[in-house]
C-alpha atoms as a PDB file:
ATOM      1  CA  MET A   1       0.071  -5.015  54.300  1.00  0.00           C
ATOM      2  CA  SER A   2      -1.426  -3.990  50.968  1.00  0.00           C
ATOM      3  CA  SER A   3       0.771  -2.727  48.150  1.00  0.00           C
ATOM      4  CA  VAL A   4      -0.691   0.804  48.358  1.00  0.00           C
ATOM      5  CA  ALA A   5      -0.312   0.933  52.150  1.00  0.00           C
ATOM      6  CA  GLN A   6       3.297  -0.188  51.873  1.00  0.00           C
ATOM      7  CA  LEU A   7       4.081   2.499  49.303  1.00  0.00           C
ATOM      8  CA  VAL A   8       2.568   5.155  51.544  1.00  0.00           C
ATOM      9  CA  SER A   9       4.475   3.893  54.558  1.00  0.00           C
ATOM     10  CA  VAL A  10       7.774   4.050  52.662  1.00  0.00           C
ATOM     11  CA  ALA A  11       7.258   7.774  52.104  1.00  0.00           C
ATOM     12  CA  GLN A  12       6.011   8.254  55.659  1.00  0.00           C
ATOM     13  CA  LEU A  13       9.056   6.518  57.074  1.00  0.00           C
ATOM     14  CA  VAL A  14      11.425   8.584  54.953  1.00  0.00           C
ATOM     15  CA  ALA A  15       9.655  11.718  56.181  1.00  0.00           C
ATOM     16  CA  ALA A  16       9.925  10.505  59.779  1.00  0.00           C
ATOM     17  CA  LEU A  17      13.667  10.031  59.305  1.00  0.00           C
ATOM     18  CA  GLY A  18      13.963  13.693  58.345  1.00  0.00           C
ATOM     19  CA  GLY A  19      13.164  13.572  54.642  1.00  0.00           C
ATOM     20  CA  VAL A  20      16.080  11.451  53.419  1.00  0.00           C
ATOM     21  CA  ALA A  21      16.798   7.764  54.048  1.00  0.00           C
ATOM     22  CA  SER A  22      19.017   4.969  52.851  1.00  0.00           C
ATOM     23  CA  CYS A  23      17.552   1.759  51.513  1.00  0.00           C
ATOM     24  CA  ARG A  24      19.434  -0.022  54.293  1.00  0.00           C
ATOM     25  CA  GLU A  25      17.551   2.006  56.896  1.00  0.00           C
ATOM     26  CA  LEU A  26      14.245   1.299  55.175  1.00  0.00           C
ATOM     27  CA  ALA A  27      15.071  -2.408  55.125  1.00  0.00           C
ATOM     28  CA  GLU A  28      15.476  -2.302  58.913  1.00  0.00           C
ATOM     29  CA  TYR A  29      11.798  -1.364  59.074  1.00  0.00           C
ATOM     30  CA  GLY A  30      10.744  -4.141  56.719  1.00  0.00           C
ATOM     31  CA  HIS A  31      10.732  -2.319  53.384  1.00  0.00           C
ATOM     32  CA  SER A  32      12.411  -4.339  50.648  1.00  0.00           C
ATOM     33  CA  ALA A  33      14.350  -2.909  47.721  1.00  0.00           C
ATOM     34  CA  GLU A  34      11.379  -3.814  45.521  1.00  0.00           C
ATOM     35  CA  ALA A  35       9.023  -1.814  47.741  1.00  0.00           C
ATOM     36  CA  VAL A  36      11.309   1.196  47.550  1.00  0.00           C
ATOM     37  CA  THR A  37      11.532   0.873  43.757  1.00  0.00           C
ATOM     38  CA  ARG A  38       7.738   0.829  43.518  1.00  0.00           C
ATOM     39  CA  ALA A  39       7.568   3.940  45.705  1.00  0.00           C
ATOM     40  CA  VAL A  40      10.006   5.653  43.347  1.00  0.00           C
ATOM     41  CA  ARG A  41       7.916   4.612  40.330  1.00  0.00           C
ATOM     42  CA  ILE A  42       4.786   6.302  41.638  1.00  0.00           C
ATOM     43  CA  ARG A  43       6.849   9.292  42.795  1.00  0.00           C
ATOM     44  CA  ALA A  44       6.098   8.817  46.474  1.00  0.00           C
ATOM     45  CA  VAL A  45       9.861   9.240  46.899  1.00  0.00           C
ATOM     46  CA  THR A  46      12.724  10.181  44.585  1.00  0.00           C
ATOM     47  CA  ARG A  47      16.200   8.720  44.291  1.00  0.00           C
ATOM     48  CA  VAL A  48      18.943  10.967  45.598  1.00  0.00           C
ATOM     49  CA  ARG A  49      21.744   8.611  44.582  1.00  0.00           C
ATOM     50  CA  ASN A  50      22.254   4.866  44.533  1.00  0.00           C
ATOM     51  CA  GLY A  51      20.778   3.426  47.725  1.00  0.00           C
ATOM     52  CA  TRP A  52      19.186   6.665  48.920  1.00  0.00           C
ATOM     53  CA  VAL A  53      15.732   8.213  48.518  1.00  0.00           C
ATOM     54  CA  ALA A  54      14.025  11.393  49.663  1.00  0.00           C
ATOM     55  CA  VAL A  55      10.578  12.890  49.942  1.00  0.00           C
ATOM     56  CA  GLN A  56       9.555  16.246  48.542  1.00  0.00           C
ATOM     57  CA  GLY A  57      10.718  19.097  50.758  1.00  0.00           C
ATOM     58  CA  ALA A  58      13.715  17.238  52.184  1.00  0.00           C
ATOM     59  CA  PRO A  59      16.354  19.574  53.683  1.00  0.00           C
ATOM     60  CA  GLN A  60      18.660  20.848  50.963  1.00  0.00           C
ATOM     61  CA  SER A  61      21.707  20.540  53.211  1.00  0.00           C
ATOM     62  CA  VAL A  62      21.077  16.824  53.766  1.00  0.00           C
ATOM     63  CA  LEU A  63      20.520  16.268  50.043  1.00  0.00           C
ATOM     64  CA  THR A  64      23.805  18.032  49.287  1.00  0.00           C
ATOM     65  CA  ALA A  65      25.694  15.843  51.752  1.00  0.00           C
ATOM     66  CA  VAL A  66      24.154  12.579  50.576  1.00  0.00           C
ATOM     67  CA  ARG A  67      24.624  13.379  46.883  1.00  0.00           C
ATOM     68  CA  ALA A  68      28.304  13.962  47.627  1.00  0.00           C
ATOM     69  CA  GLY A  69      28.558  10.504  49.145  1.00  0.00           C
ATOM     70  CA  GLY A  70      28.553  11.589  52.775  1.00  0.00           C
ATOM     71  CA  THR A  71      26.328  12.491  55.686  1.00  0.00           C
ATOM     72  CA  LEU A  72      25.466  15.919  57.053  1.00  0.00           C
ATOM     73  CA  ALA A  73      28.054  16.559  59.751  1.00  0.00           C
ATOM     74  CA  CYS A  74      29.771  18.901  62.142  1.00  0.00           C
ATOM     75  CA  ARG A  75      28.170  22.371  62.446  1.00  0.00           C
ATOM     76  CA  SER A  76      25.543  21.599  59.810  1.00  0.00           C
ATOM     77  CA  ALA A  77      24.262  18.598  61.781  1.00  0.00           C
ATOM     78  CA  LEU A  78      24.146  20.599  65.024  1.00  0.00           C
ATOM     79  CA  ALA A  79      22.242  23.563  63.587  1.00  0.00           C
ATOM     80  CA  PRO A  80      18.811  21.811  63.585  1.00  0.00           C
ATOM     81  CA  LEU A  81      19.364  21.059  67.295  1.00  0.00           C
ATOM     82  CA  ALA A  82      19.806  24.800  67.999  1.00  0.00           C
ATOM     83  CA  VAL A  83      23.362  24.144  69.186  1.00  0.00           C
ATOM     84  CA  TRP A  84      25.651  27.167  68.922  1.00  0.00           C
ATOM     85  CA  THR A  85      28.500  26.971  66.426  1.00  0.00           C
ATOM     86  CA  ALA A  86      30.624  29.520  64.628  1.00  0.00           C
ATOM     87  CA  ASP A  87      28.892  30.927  61.572  1.00  0.00           C
ATOM     88  CA  ASP A  88      29.548  29.056  58.344  1.00  0.00           C
ATOM     89  CA  ALA A  89      26.992  28.967  55.540  1.00  0.00           C
ATOM     90  CA  ARG A  90      28.747  26.058  53.822  1.00  0.00           C
ATOM     91  CA  VAL A  91      27.447  22.509  54.159  1.00  0.00           C
ATOM     92  CA  HIS A  92      29.667  20.348  56.360  1.00  0.00           C
ATOM     93  CA  LEU A  93      29.646  16.678  55.430  1.00  0.00           C
ATOM     94  CA  ARG A  94      31.474  13.574  56.595  1.00  0.00           C
ATOM     95  CA  ILE A  95      32.821  10.853  54.312  1.00  0.00           C
ATOM     96  CA  ARG A  96      34.570   7.580  55.112  1.00  0.00           C
ATOM     97  CA  ARG A  97      38.059   7.994  56.502  1.00  0.00           C
ATOM     98  CA  TYR A  98      39.704   6.452  53.458  1.00  0.00           C
ATOM     99  CA  GLY A  99      36.966   7.096  50.916  1.00  0.00           C
ATOM    100  CA  ALA A 100      37.396   9.081  47.717  1.00  0.00           C
ATOM    101  CA  ALA A 101      36.831  12.806  48.111  1.00  0.00           C
ATOM    102  CA  PRO A 102      33.686  13.981  46.298  1.00  0.00           C
ATOM    103  CA  PRO A 103      34.333  16.079  43.178  1.00  0.00           C
ATOM    104  CA  ASN A 104      33.147  19.660  42.773  1.00  0.00           C
ATOM    105  CA  GLU A 105      32.424  20.267  46.457  1.00  0.00           C
ATOM    106  CA  SER A 106      34.080  23.666  46.792  1.00  0.00           C
ATOM    107  CA  ALA A 107      30.913  25.056  48.399  1.00  0.00           C
ATOM    108  CA  SER A 108      31.046  22.389  51.113  1.00  0.00           C
ATOM    109  CA  VAL A 109      33.430  21.404  53.891  1.00  0.00           C
ATOM    110  CA  VAL A 110      34.369  17.730  53.616  1.00  0.00           C
ATOM    111  CA  HIS A 111      35.453  15.977  56.811  1.00  0.00           C
ATOM    112  CA  ARG A 112      37.102  12.579  56.715  1.00  0.00           C
ATOM    113  CA  ALA A 113      35.683  10.466  59.524  1.00  0.00           C
ATOM    114  CA  LEU A 114      37.689  10.670  62.717  1.00  0.00           C
ATOM    115  CA  PRO A 115      38.920   7.327  64.129  1.00  0.00           C
ATOM    116  CA  LEU A 116      36.194   7.074  66.779  1.00  0.00           C
ATOM    117  CA  ALA A 117      34.465   4.044  68.264  1.00  0.00           C
ATOM    118  CA  GLY A 118      31.238   3.430  70.133  1.00  0.00           C
ATOM    119  CA  LEU A 119      29.341   6.402  68.716  1.00  0.00           C
ATOM    120  CA  LEU A 120      25.748   6.333  67.537  1.00  0.00           C
ATOM    121  CA  PRO A 121      25.535   6.064  63.732  1.00  0.00           C
ATOM    122  CA  ALA A 122      24.092   8.591  61.326  1.00  0.00           C
ATOM    123  CA  ARG A 123      20.364   8.364  60.615  1.00  0.00           C
ATOM    124  CA  GLY A 124      18.518   9.833  57.684  1.00  0.00           C
ATOM    125  CA  GLY A 125      21.741  11.146  56.180  1.00  0.00           C
ATOM    126  CA  VAL A 126      22.547  13.188  59.296  1.00  0.00           C
ATOM    127  CA  ASP A 127      25.306  12.431  61.779  1.00  0.00           C
ATOM    128  CA  SER A 128      24.381  11.680  65.376  1.00  0.00           C
ATOM    129  CA  PRO A 129      25.099  14.478  67.877  1.00  0.00           C
ATOM    130  CA  GLU A 130      28.130  12.510  69.077  1.00  0.00           C
ATOM    131  CA  TRP A 131      29.759  12.429  65.640  1.00  0.00           C
ATOM    132  CA  ALA A 132      28.717  16.022  64.940  1.00  0.00           C
ATOM    133  CA  VAL A 133      30.184  17.339  68.194  1.00  0.00           C
ATOM    134  CA  ALA A 134      33.469  15.484  67.697  1.00  0.00           C
ATOM    135  CA  HIS A 135      33.953  17.012  64.257  1.00  0.00           C
ATOM    136  CA  ALA A 136      32.762  20.462  65.391  1.00  0.00           C
ATOM    137  CA  VAL A 137      35.367  20.494  68.161  1.00  0.00           C
ATOM    138  CA  VAL A 138      38.153  19.674  65.705  1.00  0.00           C
ATOM    139  CA  CYS A 139      36.773  21.994  63.012  1.00  0.00           C
ATOM    140  CA  GLN A 140      36.525  25.139  65.150  1.00  0.00           C
ATOM    141  CA  GLY A 141      38.860  27.291  67.210  1.00  0.00           C
ATOM    142  CA  ARG A 142      39.084  26.713  70.961  1.00  0.00           C
ATOM    143  CA  ARG A 143      36.582  29.357  72.069  1.00  0.00           C
ATOM    144  CA  ASP A 144      34.066  28.305  69.455  1.00  0.00           C
ATOM    145  CA  ALA A 145      34.563  24.670  70.452  1.00  0.00           C
ATOM    146  CA  VAL A 146      33.921  25.473  74.122  1.00  0.00           C
ATOM    147  CA  ALA A 147      30.855  27.496  73.124  1.00  0.00           C
ATOM    148  CA  THR A 148      29.543  24.492  71.201  1.00  0.00           C
ATOM    149  CA  LEU A 149      30.148  22.174  74.164  1.00  0.00           C
ATOM    150  CA  ASP A 150      28.439  24.629  76.526  1.00  0.00           C
ATOM    151  CA  SER A 151      25.453  24.770  74.187  1.00  0.00           C
ATOM    152  CA  VAL A 152      25.273  20.987  73.807  1.00  0.00           C
ATOM    153  CA  MET A 153      25.079  20.551  77.573  1.00  0.00           C
ATOM    154  CA  HIS A 154      22.804  23.540  78.170  1.00  0.00           C
ATOM    155  CA  ARG A 155      20.268  22.206  75.677  1.00  0.00           C
ATOM    156  CA  GLY A 156      20.482  18.658  76.985  1.00  0.00           C
ATOM    157  CA  VAL A 157      21.706  17.246  73.683  1.00  0.00           C
ATOM    158  CA  MET A 158      24.483  15.301  75.434  1.00  0.00           C
ATOM    159  CA  THR A 159      25.565  14.829  79.032  1.00  0.00           C
ATOM    160  CA  ARG A 160      28.950  15.875  80.319  1.00  0.00           C
ATOM    161  CA  ARG A 161      29.844  12.232  80.926  1.00  0.00           C
ATOM    162  CA  ARG A 162      29.053  11.303  77.330  1.00  0.00           C
ATOM    163  CA  LEU A 163      31.064  14.256  76.072  1.00  0.00           C
ATOM    164  CA  GLU A 164      34.010  13.075  78.152  1.00  0.00           C
ATOM    165  CA  THR A 165      33.802   9.695  76.413  1.00  0.00           C
ATOM    166  CA  VAL A 166      33.777  11.289  72.962  1.00  0.00           C
ATOM    167  CA  LEU A 167      36.500  13.869  73.624  1.00  0.00           C
ATOM    168  CA  ALA A 168      38.744  11.219  75.176  1.00  0.00           C
ATOM    169  CA  GLN A 169      39.112   9.746  71.679  1.00  0.00           C
ATOM    170  CA  LEU A 170      40.308  13.029  70.164  1.00  0.00           C
ATOM    171  CA  PRO A 171      43.938  14.225  70.087  1.00  0.00           C
ATOM    172  CA  ARG A 172      45.357  15.286  73.451  1.00  0.00           C
ATOM    173  CA  LYS A 173      45.170  19.025  72.686  1.00  0.00           C
ATOM    174  CA  TYR A 174      41.383  18.844  73.109  1.00  0.00           C
ATOM    175  CA  ALA A 175      41.538  17.098  76.490  1.00  0.00           C
ATOM    176  CA  ASP A 176      41.118  20.256  78.589  1.00  0.00           C
ATOM    177  CA  LEU A 177      38.165  21.787  76.746  1.00  0.00           C
ATOM    178  CA  LEU A 178      35.554  20.454  79.156  1.00  0.00           C
ATOM    179  CA  LEU A 179      37.425  22.084  82.045  1.00  0.00           C
ATOM    180  CA  LEU A 180      36.618  25.435  80.426  1.00  0.00           C
ATOM    181  CA  CYS A 181      32.927  24.657  79.979  1.00  0.00           C
ATOM    182  CA  ASP A 182      29.933  25.962  81.889  1.00  0.00           C
ATOM    183  CA  PRO A 183      26.548  24.543  80.813  1.00  0.00           C
ATOM    184  CA  ARG A 184      24.750  27.485  82.422  1.00  0.00           C
ATOM    185  CA  ALA A 185      25.770  29.663  79.469  1.00  0.00           C
ATOM    186  CA  GLU A 186      22.690  30.509  77.416  1.00  0.00           C
ATOM    187  CA  SER A 187      24.500  31.557  74.245  1.00  0.00           C
ATOM    188  CA  GLY A 188      27.788  31.171  72.456  1.00  0.00           C
ATOM    189  CA  LEU A 189      28.420  34.888  72.873  1.00  0.00           C
ATOM    190  CA  GLU A 190      28.211  34.503  76.636  1.00  0.00           C
ATOM    191  CA  THR A 191      30.763  31.696  76.470  1.00  0.00           C
ATOM    192  CA  HIS A 192      33.106  33.744  74.284  1.00  0.00           C
ATOM    193  CA  LEU A 193      32.923  36.706  76.634  1.00  0.00           C
ATOM    194  CA  ARG A 194      33.416  34.558  79.736  1.00  0.00           C
ATOM    195  CA  LEU A 195      36.535  32.971  78.261  1.00  0.00           C
ATOM    196  CA  LEU A 196      37.888  36.326  77.079  1.00  0.00           C
ATOM    197  CA  LEU A 197      37.537  38.004  80.477  1.00  0.00           C
ATOM    198  CA  ARG A 198      38.840  35.071  82.479  1.00  0.00           C
ATOM    199  CA  SER A 199      41.848  34.769  80.167  1.00  0.00           C
ATOM    200  CA  VAL A 200      43.093  38.114  81.535  1.00  0.00           C
ATOM    201  CA  GLY A 201      42.253  37.319  85.149  1.00  0.00           C
ATOM    202  CA  ILE A 202      38.954  39.174  85.493  1.00  0.00           C
ATOM    203  CA  HIS A 203      36.773  37.382  88.040  1.00  0.00           C
ATOM    204  CA  LEU A 204      33.117  37.056  87.114  1.00  0.00           C
ATOM    205  CA  ARG A 205      29.939  35.174  87.909  1.00  0.00           C
ATOM    206  CA  VAL A 206      27.605  33.684  85.317  1.00  0.00           C
ATOM    207  CA  GLN A 207      23.808  33.599  85.135  1.00  0.00           C
ATOM    208  CA  VAL A 208      23.350  35.643  88.303  1.00  0.00           C
ATOM    209  CA  SER A 209      19.826  36.179  89.650  1.00  0.00           C
ATOM    210  CA  ILE A 210      19.057  39.788  90.618  1.00  0.00           C
ATOM    211  CA  SER A 211      15.908  40.583  92.582  1.00  0.00           C
ATOM    212  CA  GLY A 212      13.299  42.388  90.504  1.00  0.00           C
ATOM    213  CA  VAL A 213      15.191  41.763  87.266  1.00  0.00           C
ATOM    214  CA  GLY A 214      15.852  38.042  86.860  1.00  0.00           C
ATOM    215  CA  ARG A 215      18.987  36.320  85.594  1.00  0.00           C
ATOM    216  CA  VAL A 216      21.717  38.285  83.869  1.00  0.00           C
ATOM    217  CA  ASP A 217      24.524  36.818  81.776  1.00  0.00           C
ATOM    218  CA  LEU A 218      27.616  37.981  83.660  1.00  0.00           C
ATOM    219  CA  VAL A 219      28.396  40.047  86.755  1.00  0.00           C
ATOM    220  CA  ILE A 220      31.833  41.464  87.525  1.00  0.00           C
ATOM    221  CA  GLY A 221      32.423  42.600  91.080  1.00  0.00           C
ATOM    222  CA  ASP A 222      29.282  43.893  92.800  1.00  0.00           C
ATOM    223  CA  ARG A 223      27.514  45.885  90.113  1.00  0.00           C
ATOM    224  CA  LEU A 224      28.931  45.583  86.596  1.00  0.00           C
ATOM    225  CA  VAL A 225      26.378  43.598  84.603  1.00  0.00           C
ATOM    226  CA  ILE A 226      27.224  42.431  81.090  1.00  0.00           C
ATOM    227  CA  GLU A 227      24.511  41.131  78.777  1.00  0.00           C
ATOM    228  CA  THR A 228      25.120  39.664  75.319  1.00  0.00           C
ATOM    229  CA  ASP A 229      22.695  40.140  72.441  1.00  0.00           C
ATOM    230  CA  GLY A 230      22.804  37.530  69.688  1.00  0.00           C
ATOM    231  CA  ARG A 231      21.393  38.507  66.285  1.00  0.00           C
ATOM    232  CA  THR A 232      18.667  35.882  66.238  1.00  0.00           C
ATOM    233  CA  TRP A 233      17.916  35.842  69.943  1.00  0.00           C
ATOM    234  CA  HIS A 234      17.037  39.541  70.158  1.00  0.00           C
ATOM    235  CA  SER A 235      15.747  40.369  66.712  1.00  0.00           C
ATOM    236  CA  ASP A 236      12.061  40.866  67.473  1.00  0.00           C
ATOM    237  CA  ARG A 237      10.539  44.053  68.844  1.00  0.00           C
ATOM    238  CA  GLU A 238       9.171  42.470  72.020  1.00  0.00           C
ATOM    239  CA  SER A 239      12.571  41.111  73.063  1.00  0.00           C
ATOM    240  CA  PHE A 240      14.183  44.473  72.330  1.00  0.00           C
ATOM    241  CA  ALA A 241      11.637  46.251  74.542  1.00  0.00           C
ATOM    242  CA  ASN A 242      12.118  43.691  77.317  1.00  0.00           C
ATOM    243  CA  ASP A 243      15.887  44.215  77.217  1.00  0.00           C
ATOM    244  CA  LYS A 244      15.379  47.948  77.662  1.00  0.00           C
ATOM    245  CA  ARG A 245      13.036  47.383  80.618  1.00  0.00           C
ATOM    246  CA  ARG A 246      15.636  45.138  82.248  1.00  0.00           C
ATOM    247  CA  ASP A 247      18.368  47.708  81.669  1.00  0.00           C
ATOM    248  CA  MET A 248      16.244  50.393  83.334  1.00  0.00           C
ATOM    249  CA  ALA A 249      15.457  48.116  86.276  1.00  0.00           C
ATOM    250  CA  LEU A 250      19.158  47.388  86.724  1.00  0.00           C
ATOM    251  CA  ALA A 251      20.055  51.086  86.548  1.00  0.00           C
ATOM    252  CA  GLU A 252      17.364  51.846  89.127  1.00  0.00           C
ATOM    253  CA  ARG A 253      19.072  49.403  91.480  1.00  0.00           C
ATOM    254  CA  GLY A 254      22.470  50.958  90.951  1.00  0.00           C
ATOM    255  CA  TYR A 255      23.928  48.469  88.495  1.00  0.00           C
ATOM    256  CA  LEU A 256      26.204  49.497  85.645  1.00  0.00           C
ATOM    257  CA  VAL A 257      25.073  47.720  82.473  1.00  0.00           C
ATOM    258  CA  LEU A 258      27.020  46.879  79.329  1.00  0.00           C
ATOM    259  CA  ARG A 259      24.926  45.288  76.583  1.00  0.00           C
ATOM    260  CA  LEU A 260      27.194  43.852  73.896  1.00  0.00           C
ATOM    261  CA  SER A 261      26.299  42.850  70.352  1.00  0.00           C
ATOM    262  CA  TYR A 262      27.411  39.859  68.297  1.00  0.00           C
ATOM    263  CA  GLN A 263      29.789  42.116  66.372  1.00  0.00           C
ATOM    264  CA  GLN A 264      31.348  43.536  69.525  1.00  0.00           C
ATOM    265  CA  VAL A 265      31.904  40.209  71.271  1.00  0.00           C
ATOM    266  CA  LEU A 266      33.338  38.325  68.301  1.00  0.00           C
ATOM    267  CA  PHE A 267      35.056  41.013  66.240  1.00  0.00           C
ATOM    268  CA  GLU A 268      35.764  43.911  68.603  1.00  0.00           C
ATOM    269  CA  SER A 269      36.902  41.904  71.613  1.00  0.00           C
ATOM    270  CA  GLU A 270      40.050  43.969  72.235  1.00  0.00           C
ATOM    271  CA  TYR A 271      37.989  47.136  72.561  1.00  0.00           C
ATOM    272  CA  VAL A 272      35.480  45.372  74.816  1.00  0.00           C
ATOM    273  CA  LEU A 273      38.361  44.199  76.990  1.00  0.00           C
ATOM    274  CA  HIS A 274      39.782  47.736  77.091  1.00  0.00           C
ATOM    275  CA  VAL A 275      36.451  49.170  78.287  1.00  0.00           C
ATOM    276  CA  VAL A 276      35.844  46.483  80.916  1.00  0.00           C
ATOM    277  CA  ARG A 277      39.389  46.745  82.248  1.00  0.00           C
ATOM    278  CA  GLY A 278      38.976  50.509  82.574  1.00  0.00           C
ATOM    279  CA  ILE A 279      35.793  50.094  84.610  1.00  0.00           C
ATOM    280  CA  VAL A 280      37.477  47.566  86.892  1.00  0.00           C
ATOM    281  CA  GLU A 281      40.647  49.653  87.318  1.00  0.00           C
ATOM    282  CA  ARG A 282      38.529  52.672  88.343  1.00  0.00           C
ATOM    283  CA  GLY A 283      36.682  50.532  90.865  1.00  0.00           C
ATOM    284  CA  GLU A 284      33.323  51.270  89.274  1.00  0.00           C
ATOM    285  CA  HIS A 285      32.361  47.595  89.472  1.00  0.00           C
ATOM    286  CA  ARG A 286      32.132  47.851  93.277  1.00  0.00           C
ATOM    287  CA  TRP A 287      29.445  49.310  95.501  1.00  0.00           C
ATOM    288  CA  ASN A 288      30.545  52.465  97.297  1.00  0.00           C
ATOM    289  CA  GLY A 289      29.254  54.590 100.138  1.00  0.00           C
ATOM    290  CA  ARG A 290      26.852  56.525  97.919  1.00  0.00           C
ATOM    291  CA  HIS A 291      25.142  53.330  96.801  1.00  0.00           C
ATOM    292  CA  ARG A 292      24.800  52.098 100.368  1.00  0.00           C
ATOM    293  CA  ARG A 293      23.446  55.407 101.656  1.00  0.00           C
ATOM    294  CA  ALA A 294      20.886  55.342  98.845  1.00  0.00           C
ATOM    295  CA  GLY A 295      19.701  51.924 100.064  1.00  0.00           C
ATOM    296  CA  LEU A 296      20.167  50.264  96.688  1.00  0.00           C
ATOM    297  CA  VAL A 297      19.538  46.531  96.288  1.00  0.00           C
ATOM    298  CA  LEU A 298      22.796  44.633  96.736  1.00  0.00           C
ATOM    299  CA  LEU A 299      23.634  41.113  95.614  1.00  0.00           C
END
């Protein structure tokens, strides 16, 4: 390999690893420390800190984690995989279990590595999904943790069996989380709402298919349909219009529709529960004689 070709391939490899790489990782692909130094000299890559380089345009969150002596972790490592986690704009990073805490990291969340074995290592300054999920479970509240696990399985990031292996290494209080999971959930809001309603004994079905409409998030009884609208999932005009068409189609078939926002599900849950309980107590979630005489579509 010529000198120029090797310099180019160093930068290409760093880019392929996500924009940031350790010299140890580059050495695994045959690039010596001297080759990396030459790439730095011609500005094909830049040094992030001792033993680490990056290409132009590398993710700022990864750079922040690596400069602090860690790897991008927890919620921050799951975000690029479109896995649902509780909102937190701070960078989450993982350092060695007994390593020195990085100074001046008040804008970041520093996790000391959990005592886990058999997990895939970080690559390109970013934790593997296994490490990220383990820390996200410990970092978040129970409902958020279940929502993350639902999302991980729904998106095919990890299998249930692999999650069992990872969670088995966590403290006992996390042992039952998978029992609460349902990988059919299409959003964290749906998971939150499912857990909220079931916690007070309200029976429901998830991802129910209704003729002429398609799948809906939750159905209580015969006809109470609850849909959840995330901020990013329903922000464009076309999705908004489609939601309204679905709501009309459901109403035409006799269904009672509640469409709940991010704010309502996460921060107004007591009021949501009050409204849903009222509907159930009045029996409005069930078909009645009027619906049957009208020949409405029934589940």
